Amino acid sequence: MVVGVVKLLIFIPSSNNLKAKRMVLCSLKSRLRNNLNISITKLDNYNK
């Protein structure tokens, strides 16, 4: 079994509110899950 950990800090300049950030992140997470069959978790850094 291969286990890897990656921590990403993503800057989304076009989003000006929390709802827009969540929409972009949800789309990115679903594409990564479908294409790479990986598990993703999120941290509480939406407000930055």
C-alpha atoms as a PDB file:
ATOM      1  CA  MET A   1       0.000   0.000   0.000  1.00  0.00           C
ATOM      2  CA  VAL A   2       1.353   3.402  -0.969  1.00  0.00           C
ATOM      3  CA  VAL A   3       0.493   6.351   1.261  1.00  0.00           C
ATOM      4  CA  GLY A   4       1.354   9.950   0.437  1.00  0.00           C
ATOM      5  CA  VAL A   5       0.566  13.265   2.021  1.00  0.00           C
ATOM      6  CA  VAL A   6       0.443  16.573   0.160  1.00  0.00           C
ATOM      7  CA  LYS A   7      -0.420  19.949   1.626  1.00  0.00           C
ATOM      8  CA  LEU A   8      -1.545  22.574  -0.892  1.00  0.00           C
ATOM      9  CA  LEU A   9      -2.209  26.260  -0.437  1.00  0.00           C
ATOM     10  CA  ILE A  10      -4.463  27.381  -3.269  1.00  0.00           C
ATOM     11  CA  PHE A  11      -4.993  31.055  -4.067  1.00  0.00           C
ATOM     12  CA  ILE A  12      -8.210  31.775  -5.983  1.00  0.00           C
ATOM     13  CA  PRO A  13      -8.039  35.428  -7.086  1.00  0.00           C
ATOM     14  CA  SER A  14     -11.360  35.473  -8.964  1.00  0.00           C
ATOM     15  CA  SER A  15     -13.451  34.527  -5.934  1.00  0.00           C
ATOM     16  CA  ASN A  16     -14.545  37.340  -3.680  1.00  0.00           C
ATOM     17  CA  ASN A  17     -16.686  35.402  -1.209  1.00  0.00           C
ATOM     18  CA  LEU A  18     -16.767  32.102   0.630  1.00  0.00           C
ATOM     19  CA  LYS A  19     -19.424  30.557  -1.616  1.00  0.00           C
ATOM     20  CA  ALA A  20     -17.317  31.079  -4.748  1.00  0.00           C
ATOM     21  CA  LYS A  21     -14.252  29.567  -3.060  1.00  0.00           C
ATOM     22  CA  ARG A  22     -16.231  26.496  -1.997  1.00  0.00           C
ATOM     23  CA  MET A  23     -17.592  26.028  -5.504  1.00  0.00           C
ATOM     24  CA  VAL A  24     -14.094  26.099  -7.035  1.00  0.00           C
ATOM     25  CA  LEU A  25     -12.684  23.742  -4.401  1.00  0.00           C
ATOM     26  CA  CYS A  26     -15.592  21.304  -4.721  1.00  0.00           C
ATOM     27  CA  SER A  27     -15.104  21.151  -8.489  1.00  0.00           C
ATOM     28  CA  LEU A  28     -11.369  20.583  -8.089  1.00  0.00           C
ATOM     29  CA  LYS A  29     -11.877  17.857  -5.469  1.00  0.00           C
ATOM     30  CA  SER A  30     -14.407  15.970  -7.577  1.00  0.00           C
ATOM     31  CA  ARG A  31     -12.179  16.070 -10.684  1.00  0.00           C
ATOM     32  CA  LEU A  32      -9.193  14.782  -8.689  1.00  0.00           C
ATOM     33  CA  ARG A  33     -11.265  11.994  -7.133  1.00  0.00           C
ATOM     34  CA  ASN A  34     -12.625  10.889 -10.506  1.00  0.00           C
ATOM     35  CA  ASN A  35      -9.352  11.039 -12.426  1.00  0.00           C
ATOM     36  CA  LEU A  36      -6.850   9.837  -9.823  1.00  0.00           C
ATOM     37  CA  ASN A  37      -8.990   7.806  -7.388  1.00  0.00           C
ATOM     38  CA  ILE A  38      -7.615   9.624  -4.339  1.00  0.00           C
ATOM     39  CA  SER A  39      -9.039  10.675  -1.004  1.00  0.00           C
ATOM     40  CA  ILE A  40      -9.107  14.398  -0.182  1.00  0.00           C
ATOM     41  CA  THR A  41      -9.771  16.296   3.009  1.00  0.00           C
ATOM     42  CA  LYS A  42     -10.046  20.018   3.624  1.00  0.00           C
ATOM     43  CA  LEU A  43      -8.846  22.254   6.410  1.00  0.00           C
ATOM     44  CA  ASP A  44     -10.501  25.320   7.918  1.00  0.00           C
ATOM     45  CA  ASN A  45      -8.640  27.953   5.917  1.00  0.00           C
ATOM     46  CA  TYR A  46     -11.480  29.186   3.687  1.00  0.00           C
ATOM     47  CA  ASN A  47     -11.559  32.649   5.227  1.00  0.00           C
ATOM     48  CA  LYS A  48      -8.047  33.679   4.185  1.00  0.00           C
END
